[in-house]
Amino acid sequence: MKPGGRARDAHGAWMEPQFATADALADDLIASCQLFHARGWVPATGGNFSARLDDRHLLITASGVHKGELTRADFMVVDVDGRALEPGRKSSYETGLHTQLYRFAPDIGAVLHVHSVANTVLSRQHAAIRLSGYELLKILPGITEPSVTVEIPVFGNDQDIARLARQVDARMREPTAVPAYLIAGHGLYTWGRTVREARYRLEALEFMFECELWNNRRNP
């Protein structure tokens, strides 16, 4: 059973959603962050990561922690409006971008944000990143042929997180929306029903971004 999903019991009745524990989700996010750090995608304290605990709460990285050295204690619980449930602790400055996604779709179970060289450089150069011809595009929902063109939108690096979240929300309502976006000069956000699905999407997108960056160098 995936976070945010529903299933029927043996008699055909709808069952209540079953969610992973906070420790299990933290461990999944820690493993992902260690992988991302090894690949140079979350330097220093860059990036932020979260997973849905239940319909109203999520687990998210606390502010200022090194993503390659995370422990369970480096995560905290906030509600879907971004309010911390642990007095005295501060979540990521960009928590509002996570909560916008969880409010938008109940089947979103994890949100990942990284700062790779490729996504940072490309997002400074383009208003959108167009990807076509990559076999890995098929990891995105609804994509069955690599010949299609997928557009990853790039939003300006607005320090007003609420305003930026509204822009993201509007873009996600368009029929061509994909589960990812870039912030100019700042990094990639992607999400999925589980931490694993979000990680697969992030790895695929970062591979394609790196290919695009190399192609731009060869064909300036």
N, C-alpha and C. Protein backbone atom coordinates (compact mmCIF):
# COMPACT_ATOMS: atom_id res chain seq x y z
N MET A 1 0.85 -1.19 0.00
CA MET A 1 0.00 0.00 0.00
C MET A 1 0.88 1.24 0.00
N LYS A 2 0.68 2.12 -0.95
CA LYS A 2 1.52 3.29 -1.07
C LYS A 2 0.94 4.46 -0.27
N PRO A 3 1.82 5.35 0.28
CA PRO A 3 1.34 6.47 1.06
C PRO A 3 0.33 7.28 0.27
N GLY A 4 -0.77 7.63 0.89
CA GLY A 4 -1.77 8.46 0.25
C GLY A 4 -2.75 7.68 -0.58
N GLY A 5 -2.51 6.37 -0.80
CA GLY A 5 -3.39 5.58 -1.63
C GLY A 5 -4.49 4.92 -0.83
N ARG A 6 -5.50 4.35 -1.55
CA ARG A 6 -6.57 3.63 -0.88
C ARG A 6 -6.74 2.30 -1.58
N ALA A 7 -7.23 1.32 -0.86
CA ALA A 7 -7.45 0.01 -1.43
C ALA A 7 -8.74 -0.57 -0.87
N ARG A 8 -9.25 -1.61 -1.51
CA ARG A 8 -10.46 -2.28 -1.03
C ARG A 8 -10.08 -3.54 -0.26
N ASP A 9 -10.89 -3.89 0.73
CA ASP A 9 -10.64 -5.12 1.46
C ASP A 9 -11.23 -6.30 0.70
N ALA A 10 -11.19 -7.50 1.30
CA ALA A 10 -11.64 -8.70 0.62
C ALA A 10 -13.13 -8.65 0.27
N HIS A 11 -13.88 -7.77 0.94
CA HIS A 11 -15.31 -7.65 0.69
C HIS A 11 -15.63 -6.48 -0.25
N GLY A 12 -14.60 -5.82 -0.75
CA GLY A 12 -14.81 -4.72 -1.68
C GLY A 12 -15.01 -3.36 -1.04
N ALA A 13 -14.90 -3.27 0.29
CA ALA A 13 -15.09 -1.99 0.97
C ALA A 13 -13.78 -1.21 0.98
N TRP A 14 -13.89 0.12 0.91
CA TRP A 14 -12.70 0.95 0.96
C TRP A 14 -12.06 0.89 2.32
N MET A 15 -10.75 0.72 2.37
CA MET A 15 -10.00 0.73 3.61
C MET A 15 -9.33 2.08 3.80
N GLU A 16 -9.06 2.43 5.05
CA GLU A 16 -8.35 3.67 5.33
C GLU A 16 -6.90 3.55 4.86
N PRO A 17 -6.29 4.68 4.41
CA PRO A 17 -4.89 4.63 3.96
C PRO A 17 -3.96 4.15 5.07
N GLN A 18 -2.93 3.41 4.70
CA GLN A 18 -1.91 2.96 5.63
C GLN A 18 -0.61 3.68 5.30
N PHE A 19 -0.01 4.27 6.31
CA PHE A 19 1.19 5.07 6.09
C PHE A 19 2.39 4.44 6.78
N ALA A 20 3.57 4.69 6.21
CA ALA A 20 4.79 4.20 6.82
C ALA A 20 5.07 4.98 8.11
N THR A 21 5.87 4.39 9.00
CA THR A 21 6.23 5.07 10.24
C THR A 21 7.24 6.18 9.96
N ALA A 22 7.34 7.10 10.91
CA ALA A 22 8.28 8.20 10.77
C ALA A 22 9.71 7.68 10.66
N ASP A 23 10.07 6.68 11.46
CA ASP A 23 11.44 6.15 11.41
C ASP A 23 11.73 5.49 10.05
N ALA A 24 10.76 4.75 9.52
CA ALA A 24 10.97 4.09 8.23
C ALA A 24 11.13 5.12 7.12
N LEU A 25 10.32 6.17 7.16
CA LEU A 25 10.42 7.21 6.14
C LEU A 25 11.74 7.96 6.27
N ALA A 26 12.14 8.26 7.51
CA ALA A 26 13.42 8.95 7.72
C ALA A 26 14.57 8.11 7.18
N ASP A 27 14.53 6.81 7.42
CA ASP A 27 15.60 5.93 6.93
C ASP A 27 15.65 5.92 5.41
N ASP A 28 14.48 5.90 4.75
CA ASP A 28 14.44 5.94 3.29
C ASP A 28 15.02 7.25 2.77
N LEU A 29 14.67 8.35 3.42
CA LEU A 29 15.17 9.66 2.99
C LEU A 29 16.67 9.77 3.25
N ILE A 30 17.14 9.26 4.37
CA ILE A 30 18.58 9.29 4.67
C ILE A 30 19.37 8.54 3.61
N ALA A 31 18.90 7.35 3.25
CA ALA A 31 19.59 6.57 2.22
C ALA A 31 19.63 7.32 0.90
N SER A 32 18.53 7.98 0.54
CA SER A 32 18.49 8.76 -0.70
C SER A 32 19.47 9.93 -0.63
N CYS A 33 19.49 10.61 0.51
CA CYS A 33 20.37 11.77 0.66
C CYS A 33 21.83 11.37 0.59
N GLN A 34 22.17 10.23 1.14
CA GLN A 34 23.56 9.77 1.07
C GLN A 34 23.96 9.51 -0.38
N LEU A 35 23.05 8.92 -1.14
CA LEU A 35 23.31 8.71 -2.56
C LEU A 35 23.48 10.03 -3.29
N PHE A 36 22.58 10.97 -3.03
CA PHE A 36 22.64 12.27 -3.71
C PHE A 36 23.92 13.02 -3.34
N HIS A 37 24.32 12.94 -2.06
CA HIS A 37 25.54 13.63 -1.64
C HIS A 37 26.76 13.02 -2.31
N ALA A 38 26.79 11.69 -2.44
CA ALA A 38 27.91 11.02 -3.09
C ALA A 38 28.04 11.46 -4.54
N ARG A 39 26.94 11.84 -5.15
CA ARG A 39 26.96 12.28 -6.54
C ARG A 39 27.13 13.79 -6.68
N GLY A 40 27.28 14.48 -5.56
CA GLY A 40 27.52 15.92 -5.60
C GLY A 40 26.28 16.75 -5.83
N TRP A 41 25.11 16.21 -5.52
CA TRP A 41 23.87 16.91 -5.79
C TRP A 41 23.34 17.70 -4.60
N VAL A 42 23.92 17.50 -3.41
CA VAL A 42 23.47 18.25 -2.23
C VAL A 42 24.69 18.74 -1.44
N PRO A 43 25.44 19.69 -1.98
CA PRO A 43 26.61 20.19 -1.27
C PRO A 43 26.24 20.90 0.02
N ALA A 44 27.07 20.70 1.03
CA ALA A 44 26.89 21.37 2.34
C ALA A 44 25.48 21.14 2.86
N THR A 45 24.76 22.22 3.17
CA THR A 45 23.41 22.08 3.72
C THR A 45 22.33 22.23 2.65
N GLY A 46 22.74 22.22 1.38
CA GLY A 46 21.79 22.41 0.28
C GLY A 46 20.79 21.28 0.19
N GLY A 47 19.63 21.58 -0.40
CA GLY A 47 18.59 20.60 -0.62
C GLY A 47 17.65 20.47 0.57
N ASN A 48 16.48 19.91 0.32
CA ASN A 48 15.55 19.57 1.40
C ASN A 48 14.67 18.43 0.94
N PHE A 49 14.19 17.64 1.92
CA PHE A 49 13.54 16.36 1.61
C PHE A 49 12.39 16.13 2.58
N SER A 50 11.32 15.54 2.08
CA SER A 50 10.18 15.28 2.95
C SER A 50 9.42 14.04 2.49
N ALA A 51 8.59 13.53 3.39
CA ALA A 51 7.71 12.39 3.08
C ALA A 51 6.43 12.53 3.89
N ARG A 52 5.33 12.06 3.31
CA ARG A 52 4.03 12.19 3.96
C ARG A 52 3.90 11.17 5.09
N LEU A 53 3.50 11.67 6.27
CA LEU A 53 3.24 10.80 7.40
C LEU A 53 1.80 10.32 7.42
N ASP A 54 0.87 11.24 7.14
CA ASP A 54 -0.55 10.92 7.07
C ASP A 54 -1.22 12.03 6.28
N ASP A 55 -2.54 12.09 6.32
CA ASP A 55 -3.25 13.07 5.51
C ASP A 55 -2.94 14.51 5.88
N ARG A 56 -2.48 14.75 7.10
CA ARG A 56 -2.30 16.11 7.58
C ARG A 56 -0.88 16.46 7.98
N HIS A 57 0.05 15.50 7.93
CA HIS A 57 1.39 15.76 8.45
C HIS A 57 2.48 15.19 7.54
N LEU A 58 3.64 15.81 7.59
CA LEU A 58 4.78 15.32 6.84
C LEU A 58 6.05 15.42 7.66
N LEU A 59 6.99 14.58 7.30
CA LEU A 59 8.33 14.58 7.88
C LEU A 59 9.23 15.34 6.93
N ILE A 60 10.01 16.30 7.45
CA ILE A 60 10.85 17.13 6.58
C ILE A 60 12.17 17.41 7.27
N THR A 61 13.21 17.62 6.46
CA THR A 61 14.52 17.95 7.02
C THR A 61 14.48 19.28 7.76
N ALA A 62 15.12 19.32 8.90
CA ALA A 62 15.22 20.56 9.66
C ALA A 62 16.17 21.52 8.94
N SER A 63 16.06 22.78 9.26
CA SER A 63 16.88 23.80 8.62
C SER A 63 18.35 23.67 9.01
N GLY A 64 19.25 23.84 8.03
CA GLY A 64 20.67 23.95 8.31
C GLY A 64 21.42 22.66 8.54
N VAL A 65 20.82 21.50 8.23
CA VAL A 65 21.52 20.24 8.46
C VAL A 65 22.22 19.77 7.17
N HIS A 66 23.37 19.12 7.34
CA HIS A 66 24.13 18.61 6.21
C HIS A 66 23.45 17.36 5.68
N LYS A 67 23.12 17.36 4.38
CA LYS A 67 22.30 16.27 3.85
C LYS A 67 23.07 14.98 3.63
N GLY A 68 24.39 15.02 3.66
CA GLY A 68 25.16 13.80 3.56
C GLY A 68 25.42 13.15 4.91
N GLU A 69 25.01 13.81 5.99
CA GLU A 69 25.28 13.32 7.34
C GLU A 69 24.00 13.22 8.17
N LEU A 70 22.87 13.04 7.52
CA LEU A 70 21.58 13.04 8.21
C LEU A 70 21.42 11.87 9.16
N THR A 71 20.73 12.12 10.26
CA THR A 71 20.26 11.08 11.17
C THR A 71 18.75 11.28 11.33
N ARG A 72 18.10 10.36 11.99
CA ARG A 72 16.66 10.50 12.24
C ARG A 72 16.34 11.79 12.98
N ALA A 73 17.26 12.22 13.85
CA ALA A 73 17.04 13.42 14.65
C ALA A 73 17.04 14.70 13.82
N ASP A 74 17.50 14.62 12.57
CA ASP A 74 17.57 15.80 11.71
C ASP A 74 16.26 16.03 10.95
N PHE A 75 15.23 15.22 11.23
CA PHE A 75 13.92 15.41 10.62
C PHE A 75 12.94 15.93 11.67
N MET A 76 11.95 16.63 11.21
CA MET A 76 10.92 17.14 12.11
C MET A 76 9.56 17.01 11.44
N VAL A 77 8.51 17.13 12.23
CA VAL A 77 7.15 16.99 11.73
C VAL A 77 6.50 18.36 11.61
N VAL A 78 5.88 18.61 10.45
CA VAL A 78 5.07 19.81 10.26
C VAL A 78 3.72 19.37 9.70
N ASP A 79 2.71 20.25 9.83
CA ASP A 79 1.43 19.92 9.22
C ASP A 79 1.42 20.40 7.77
N VAL A 80 0.35 20.11 7.05
CA VAL A 80 0.33 20.43 5.61
C VAL A 80 0.23 21.92 5.34
N ASP A 81 0.11 22.73 6.39
CA ASP A 81 0.17 24.18 6.24
C ASP A 81 1.54 24.73 6.65
N GLY A 82 2.46 23.81 7.00
CA GLY A 82 3.82 24.21 7.30
C GLY A 82 4.10 24.54 8.75
N ARG A 83 3.12 24.34 9.64
CA ARG A 83 3.33 24.64 11.05
C ARG A 83 4.09 23.51 11.74
N ALA A 84 5.15 23.87 12.44
CA ALA A 84 5.97 22.87 13.14
C ALA A 84 5.22 22.33 14.35
N LEU A 85 5.31 21.01 14.55
CA LEU A 85 4.69 20.38 15.72
C LEU A 85 5.66 20.26 16.88
N GLU A 86 6.91 20.65 16.66
CA GLU A 86 7.92 20.56 17.70
C GLU A 86 8.42 21.96 18.02
N PRO A 87 8.00 22.53 19.15
CA PRO A 87 8.40 23.88 19.52
C PRO A 87 9.91 24.06 19.54
N GLY A 88 10.36 25.19 19.02
CA GLY A 88 11.77 25.50 19.06
C GLY A 88 12.57 24.99 17.88
N ARG A 89 11.94 24.18 17.01
CA ARG A 89 12.64 23.66 15.85
C ARG A 89 12.18 24.40 14.59
N LYS A 90 13.08 24.52 13.64
CA LYS A 90 12.79 25.25 12.42
C LYS A 90 12.99 24.35 11.21
N SER A 91 11.98 24.25 10.38
CA SER A 91 12.10 23.43 9.17
C SER A 91 12.73 24.26 8.05
N SER A 92 12.95 23.64 6.92
CA SER A 92 13.54 24.31 5.77
C SER A 92 12.78 25.58 5.42
N TYR A 93 13.51 26.60 4.95
CA TYR A 93 12.89 27.84 4.50
C TYR A 93 11.89 27.58 3.39
N GLU A 94 12.11 26.49 2.64
CA GLU A 94 11.26 26.20 1.49
C GLU A 94 10.16 25.19 1.81
N THR A 95 9.81 25.06 3.08
CA THR A 95 8.76 24.12 3.48
C THR A 95 7.47 24.36 2.72
N GLY A 96 7.16 25.62 2.43
CA GLY A 96 5.94 25.95 1.70
C GLY A 96 5.85 25.34 0.32
N LEU A 97 6.99 25.06 -0.30
CA LEU A 97 6.98 24.40 -1.60
C LEU A 97 6.64 22.93 -1.45
N HIS A 98 7.02 22.34 -0.34
CA HIS A 98 6.65 20.94 -0.06
C HIS A 98 5.16 20.84 0.26
N THR A 99 4.70 21.71 1.16
CA THR A 99 3.30 21.61 1.58
C THR A 99 2.35 21.90 0.43
N GLN A 100 2.74 22.77 -0.50
CA GLN A 100 1.88 23.02 -1.67
C GLN A 100 1.64 21.74 -2.43
N LEU A 101 2.68 20.93 -2.58
CA LEU A 101 2.55 19.68 -3.32
C LEU A 101 1.67 18.68 -2.59
N TYR A 102 1.85 18.54 -1.28
CA TYR A 102 1.04 17.59 -0.52
C TYR A 102 -0.43 18.01 -0.48
N ARG A 103 -0.69 19.29 -0.45
CA ARG A 103 -2.08 19.75 -0.49
C ARG A 103 -2.68 19.55 -1.88
N PHE A 104 -1.84 19.67 -2.90
CA PHE A 104 -2.34 19.60 -4.28
C PHE A 104 -2.84 18.20 -4.62
N ALA A 105 -2.12 17.17 -4.21
CA ALA A 105 -2.47 15.80 -4.60
C ALA A 105 -2.26 14.86 -3.42
N PRO A 106 -3.31 14.15 -3.00
CA PRO A 106 -3.17 13.26 -1.85
C PRO A 106 -2.30 12.04 -2.10
N ASP A 107 -2.00 11.73 -3.38
CA ASP A 107 -1.16 10.56 -3.64
C ASP A 107 0.32 10.90 -3.67
N ILE A 108 0.68 12.17 -3.50
CA ILE A 108 2.10 12.53 -3.39
C ILE A 108 2.58 12.09 -2.01
N GLY A 109 3.60 11.23 -2.00
CA GLY A 109 4.10 10.69 -0.74
C GLY A 109 5.49 11.15 -0.37
N ALA A 110 6.22 11.78 -1.32
CA ALA A 110 7.58 12.24 -1.02
C ALA A 110 7.96 13.35 -1.98
N VAL A 111 8.73 14.31 -1.49
CA VAL A 111 9.21 15.44 -2.29
C VAL A 111 10.72 15.58 -2.05
N LEU A 112 11.48 15.66 -3.13
CA LEU A 112 12.95 15.72 -3.05
C LEU A 112 13.45 16.94 -3.80
N HIS A 113 14.44 17.61 -3.23
CA HIS A 113 15.00 18.83 -3.84
C HIS A 113 16.52 18.79 -3.77
N VAL A 114 17.18 18.88 -4.92
CA VAL A 114 18.65 18.82 -4.97
C VAL A 114 19.22 19.99 -5.76
N HIS A 115 20.52 20.23 -5.56
CA HIS A 115 21.25 21.32 -6.21
C HIS A 115 22.43 20.73 -6.99
N SER A 116 22.20 20.12 -8.11
CA SER A 116 23.31 19.59 -8.89
C SER A 116 23.93 20.70 -9.76
N VAL A 117 25.14 20.46 -10.22
CA VAL A 117 25.77 21.41 -11.16
C VAL A 117 24.93 21.51 -12.43
N ALA A 118 24.50 20.37 -12.96
CA ALA A 118 23.77 20.38 -14.23
C ALA A 118 22.46 21.14 -14.11
N ASN A 119 21.66 20.85 -13.07
CA ASN A 119 20.36 21.54 -13.01
C ASN A 119 20.52 23.02 -12.67
N THR A 120 21.58 23.36 -11.92
CA THR A 120 21.81 24.76 -11.58
C THR A 120 22.20 25.56 -12.82
N VAL A 121 23.13 25.02 -13.60
CA VAL A 121 23.59 25.73 -14.81
C VAL A 121 22.47 25.83 -15.84
N LEU A 122 21.81 24.73 -16.13
CA LEU A 122 20.76 24.74 -17.14
C LEU A 122 19.61 25.67 -16.77
N SER A 123 19.26 25.69 -15.49
CA SER A 123 18.13 26.52 -15.07
C SER A 123 18.46 28.01 -15.11
N ARG A 124 19.74 28.35 -15.14
CA ARG A 124 20.15 29.74 -15.31
C ARG A 124 20.13 30.17 -16.77
N GLN A 125 20.12 29.20 -17.67
CA GLN A 125 20.24 29.49 -19.10
C GLN A 125 18.92 29.43 -19.86
N HIS A 126 17.92 28.74 -19.30
CA HIS A 126 16.70 28.47 -20.06
C HIS A 126 15.46 28.75 -19.23
N ALA A 127 14.39 29.14 -19.92
CA ALA A 127 13.10 29.36 -19.27
C ALA A 127 12.38 28.05 -19.01
N ALA A 128 12.80 27.01 -19.73
CA ALA A 128 12.28 25.65 -19.54
C ALA A 128 13.29 24.70 -20.14
N ILE A 129 13.37 23.49 -19.61
CA ILE A 129 14.28 22.48 -20.14
C ILE A 129 13.45 21.47 -20.92
N ARG A 130 13.74 21.33 -22.21
CA ARG A 130 13.00 20.39 -23.06
C ARG A 130 13.83 19.13 -23.27
N LEU A 131 13.25 18.02 -22.92
CA LEU A 131 13.92 16.73 -23.01
C LEU A 131 13.21 15.85 -24.02
N SER A 132 13.96 15.25 -24.94
CA SER A 132 13.36 14.38 -25.95
C SER A 132 14.38 13.33 -26.39
N GLY A 133 13.88 12.13 -26.70
CA GLY A 133 14.74 11.09 -27.22
C GLY A 133 15.46 10.26 -26.19
N TYR A 134 15.21 10.52 -24.91
CA TYR A 134 15.87 9.77 -23.85
C TYR A 134 14.99 8.59 -23.42
N GLU A 135 15.58 7.41 -23.36
CA GLU A 135 14.83 6.24 -22.91
C GLU A 135 14.32 6.42 -21.48
N LEU A 136 15.08 7.15 -20.67
CA LEU A 136 14.69 7.34 -19.27
C LEU A 136 13.46 8.23 -19.10
N LEU A 137 13.01 8.88 -20.16
CA LEU A 137 11.77 9.65 -20.05
C LEU A 137 10.59 8.76 -19.65
N LYS A 138 10.70 7.47 -19.96
CA LYS A 138 9.59 6.56 -19.68
C LYS A 138 9.39 6.31 -18.19
N ILE A 139 10.30 6.82 -17.36
CA ILE A 139 10.11 6.69 -15.92
C ILE A 139 9.09 7.71 -15.42
N LEU A 140 8.78 8.72 -16.25
CA LEU A 140 7.79 9.72 -15.87
C LEU A 140 6.39 9.20 -16.19
N PRO A 141 5.39 9.58 -15.41
CA PRO A 141 4.04 9.04 -15.61
C PRO A 141 3.45 9.42 -16.97
N GLY A 142 2.85 8.44 -17.63
CA GLY A 142 2.19 8.69 -18.91
C GLY A 142 3.09 8.68 -20.11
N ILE A 143 4.41 8.52 -19.92
CA ILE A 143 5.35 8.53 -21.04
C ILE A 143 5.65 7.09 -21.44
N THR A 144 5.33 6.72 -22.67
CA THR A 144 5.59 5.36 -23.15
C THR A 144 6.58 5.33 -24.30
N GLU A 145 6.86 6.48 -24.90
CA GLU A 145 7.79 6.55 -26.02
C GLU A 145 8.85 7.61 -25.76
N PRO A 146 10.12 7.28 -25.94
CA PRO A 146 11.17 8.27 -25.71
C PRO A 146 11.19 9.40 -26.74
N SER A 147 10.42 9.26 -27.81
CA SER A 147 10.43 10.27 -28.86
C SER A 147 9.64 11.52 -28.47
N VAL A 148 8.84 11.44 -27.41
CA VAL A 148 8.06 12.61 -27.01
C VAL A 148 8.97 13.69 -26.44
N THR A 149 8.46 14.91 -26.39
CA THR A 149 9.19 16.02 -25.77
C THR A 149 8.51 16.38 -24.46
N VAL A 150 9.30 16.40 -23.42
CA VAL A 150 8.81 16.76 -22.09
C VAL A 150 9.44 18.09 -21.70
N GLU A 151 8.64 18.98 -21.16
CA GLU A 151 9.15 20.29 -20.75
C GLU A 151 9.15 20.41 -19.23
N ILE A 152 10.32 20.64 -18.69
CA ILE A 152 10.46 20.87 -17.25
C ILE A 152 10.49 22.39 -17.04
N PRO A 153 9.46 22.95 -16.39
CA PRO A 153 9.42 24.41 -16.24
C PRO A 153 10.50 24.94 -15.31
N VAL A 154 10.91 26.17 -15.55
CA VAL A 154 11.87 26.85 -14.68
C VAL A 154 11.20 28.10 -14.12
N PHE A 155 11.15 28.20 -12.81
CA PHE A 155 10.59 29.37 -12.14
C PHE A 155 11.71 30.26 -11.63
N GLY A 156 11.44 31.56 -11.58
CA GLY A 156 12.42 32.49 -11.04
C GLY A 156 12.68 32.20 -9.58
N ASN A 157 13.89 32.51 -9.12
CA ASN A 157 14.29 32.23 -7.73
C ASN A 157 13.69 33.29 -6.81
N ASP A 158 12.40 33.16 -6.59
CA ASP A 158 11.64 34.12 -5.78
C ASP A 158 11.80 33.78 -4.29
N GLN A 159 12.25 34.73 -3.50
CA GLN A 159 12.40 34.50 -2.07
C GLN A 159 11.07 34.56 -1.31
N ASP A 160 10.02 34.98 -2.02
CA ASP A 160 8.67 34.93 -1.46
C ASP A 160 8.12 33.53 -1.75
N ILE A 161 8.27 32.61 -0.80
CA ILE A 161 7.93 31.21 -1.03
C ILE A 161 6.45 31.02 -1.30
N ALA A 162 5.60 31.77 -0.62
CA ALA A 162 4.16 31.64 -0.85
C ALA A 162 3.81 32.03 -2.28
N ARG A 163 4.42 33.08 -2.78
CA ARG A 163 4.15 33.51 -4.16
C ARG A 163 4.67 32.48 -5.15
N LEU A 164 5.86 31.95 -4.89
CA LEU A 164 6.42 30.93 -5.76
C LEU A 164 5.55 29.67 -5.75
N ALA A 165 5.05 29.28 -4.58
CA ALA A 165 4.19 28.11 -4.48
C ALA A 165 2.91 28.29 -5.30
N ARG A 166 2.39 29.49 -5.35
CA ARG A 166 1.19 29.74 -6.16
C ARG A 166 1.48 29.58 -7.65
N GLN A 167 2.66 30.00 -8.07
CA GLN A 167 3.05 29.81 -9.47
C GLN A 167 3.17 28.33 -9.81
N VAL A 168 3.79 27.57 -8.91
CA VAL A 168 3.92 26.13 -9.12
C VAL A 168 2.55 25.48 -9.18
N ASP A 169 1.66 25.87 -8.27
CA ASP A 169 0.32 25.30 -8.23
C ASP A 169 -0.41 25.53 -9.54
N ALA A 170 -0.30 26.72 -10.09
CA ALA A 170 -0.97 27.03 -11.36
C ALA A 170 -0.39 26.19 -12.49
N ARG A 171 0.93 26.00 -12.51
CA ARG A 171 1.55 25.21 -13.57
C ARG A 171 1.14 23.74 -13.47
N MET A 172 0.99 23.23 -12.27
CA MET A 172 0.63 21.83 -12.10
C MET A 172 -0.79 21.52 -12.59
N ARG A 173 -1.61 22.53 -12.73
CA ARG A 173 -2.97 22.33 -13.19
C ARG A 173 -3.07 22.28 -14.72
N GLU A 174 -1.95 22.54 -15.39
CA GLU A 174 -1.96 22.47 -16.84
C GLU A 174 -1.86 21.02 -17.30
N PRO A 175 -2.49 20.67 -18.43
CA PRO A 175 -2.52 19.26 -18.87
C PRO A 175 -1.16 18.68 -19.21
N THR A 176 -0.18 19.51 -19.51
CA THR A 176 1.16 19.02 -19.88
C THR A 176 2.11 18.94 -18.68
N ALA A 177 1.61 19.16 -17.47
CA ALA A 177 2.48 19.20 -16.29
C ALA A 177 3.11 17.83 -16.03
N VAL A 178 4.37 17.85 -15.60
CA VAL A 178 5.10 16.64 -15.20
C VAL A 178 5.49 16.80 -13.74
N PRO A 179 5.83 15.71 -13.04
CA PRO A 179 6.14 15.80 -11.62
C PRO A 179 7.55 16.31 -11.32
N ALA A 180 7.84 17.51 -11.82
CA ALA A 180 9.16 18.10 -11.58
C ALA A 180 9.15 19.56 -12.02
N TYR A 181 9.98 20.35 -11.37
CA TYR A 181 10.23 21.71 -11.85
C TYR A 181 11.58 22.16 -11.34
N LEU A 182 12.09 23.23 -11.94
CA LEU A 182 13.37 23.82 -11.56
C LEU A 182 13.16 25.24 -11.05
N ILE A 183 14.02 25.65 -10.14
CA ILE A 183 14.10 27.05 -9.73
C ILE A 183 15.42 27.58 -10.28
N ALA A 184 15.36 28.70 -10.97
CA ALA A 184 16.52 29.21 -11.68
C ALA A 184 17.73 29.40 -10.76
N GLY A 185 18.82 28.73 -11.11
CA GLY A 185 20.05 28.83 -10.34
C GLY A 185 19.98 28.19 -8.97
N HIS A 186 18.94 27.41 -8.73
CA HIS A 186 18.72 26.92 -7.36
C HIS A 186 18.47 25.42 -7.27
N GLY A 187 17.92 24.80 -8.28
CA GLY A 187 17.80 23.36 -8.19
C GLY A 187 16.49 22.77 -8.64
N LEU A 188 16.41 21.45 -8.51
CA LEU A 188 15.29 20.64 -8.99
C LEU A 188 14.40 20.19 -7.84
N TYR A 189 13.09 20.27 -8.07
CA TYR A 189 12.10 19.65 -7.20
C TYR A 189 11.41 18.55 -7.99
N THR A 190 11.31 17.38 -7.40
CA THR A 190 10.53 16.30 -8.00
C THR A 190 9.86 15.51 -6.89
N TRP A 191 8.86 14.71 -7.26
CA TRP A 191 8.06 14.03 -6.24
C TRP A 191 7.49 12.73 -6.80
N GLY A 192 6.93 11.92 -5.90
CA GLY A 192 6.34 10.66 -6.29
C GLY A 192 5.45 10.12 -5.19
N ARG A 193 4.85 8.96 -5.44
CA ARG A 193 3.96 8.35 -4.44
C ARG A 193 4.75 7.81 -3.25
N THR A 194 6.00 7.47 -3.47
CA THR A 194 6.87 6.96 -2.41
C THR A 194 8.23 7.63 -2.54
N VAL A 195 9.05 7.48 -1.50
CA VAL A 195 10.42 8.00 -1.57
C VAL A 195 11.15 7.34 -2.73
N ARG A 196 10.98 6.04 -2.91
CA ARG A 196 11.67 5.33 -3.97
C ARG A 196 11.26 5.86 -5.35
N GLU A 197 9.97 6.04 -5.57
CA GLU A 197 9.53 6.54 -6.87
C GLU A 197 10.07 7.94 -7.13
N ALA A 198 10.03 8.79 -6.13
CA ALA A 198 10.58 10.14 -6.30
C ALA A 198 12.07 10.10 -6.60
N ARG A 199 12.79 9.19 -5.91
CA ARG A 199 14.24 9.07 -6.15
C ARG A 199 14.53 8.60 -7.57
N TYR A 200 13.77 7.62 -8.05
CA TYR A 200 13.97 7.15 -9.42
C TYR A 200 13.78 8.29 -10.41
N ARG A 201 12.73 9.07 -10.21
CA ARG A 201 12.47 10.19 -11.11
C ARG A 201 13.60 11.21 -11.05
N LEU A 202 14.07 11.48 -9.84
CA LEU A 202 15.14 12.46 -9.68
C LEU A 202 16.42 11.98 -10.37
N GLU A 203 16.78 10.72 -10.15
CA GLU A 203 17.99 10.18 -10.79
C GLU A 203 17.89 10.23 -12.30
N ALA A 204 16.72 9.88 -12.85
CA ALA A 204 16.54 9.91 -14.30
C ALA A 204 16.66 11.32 -14.84
N LEU A 205 16.02 12.27 -14.17
CA LEU A 205 16.07 13.66 -14.63
C LEU A 205 17.49 14.21 -14.55
N GLU A 206 18.20 13.91 -13.47
CA GLU A 206 19.56 14.42 -13.34
C GLU A 206 20.48 13.85 -14.42
N PHE A 207 20.28 12.58 -14.77
CA PHE A 207 21.06 12.00 -15.86
C PHE A 207 20.80 12.76 -17.16
N MET A 208 19.54 13.02 -17.45
CA MET A 208 19.21 13.73 -18.69
C MET A 208 19.70 15.17 -18.67
N PHE A 209 19.64 15.82 -17.50
CA PHE A 209 20.17 17.18 -17.40
C PHE A 209 21.68 17.19 -17.68
N GLU A 210 22.38 16.20 -17.14
CA GLU A 210 23.82 16.15 -17.37
C GLU A 210 24.13 15.93 -18.84
N CYS A 211 23.33 15.09 -19.50
CA CYS A 211 23.50 14.89 -20.94
C CYS A 211 23.28 16.20 -21.70
N GLU A 212 22.25 16.94 -21.31
CA GLU A 212 21.97 18.21 -21.96
C GLU A 212 23.11 19.20 -21.75
N LEU A 213 23.66 19.21 -20.56
CA LEU A 213 24.77 20.12 -20.28
C LEU A 213 25.98 19.77 -21.13
N TRP A 214 26.31 18.49 -21.24
CA TRP A 214 27.42 18.06 -22.08
C TRP A 214 27.15 18.39 -23.55
N ASN A 215 25.92 18.20 -23.99
CA ASN A 215 25.58 18.51 -25.37
C ASN A 215 25.72 20.00 -25.66
N ASN A 216 25.35 20.84 -24.70
CA ASN A 216 25.50 22.28 -24.88
C ASN A 216 26.98 22.68 -24.99
N ARG A 217 27.83 21.98 -24.25
CA ARG A 217 29.26 22.28 -24.33
C ARG A 217 29.84 21.90 -25.70
N ARG A 218 29.34 20.79 -26.24
CA ARG A 218 29.83 20.32 -27.54
C ARG A 218 29.26 21.11 -28.70
N ASN A 219 28.06 21.67 -28.49
CA ASN A 219 27.39 22.41 -29.55
C ASN A 219 26.93 23.77 -29.02
N PRO A 220 27.87 24.66 -28.74
CA PRO A 220 27.52 25.95 -28.14
C PRO A 220 26.69 26.81 -29.10
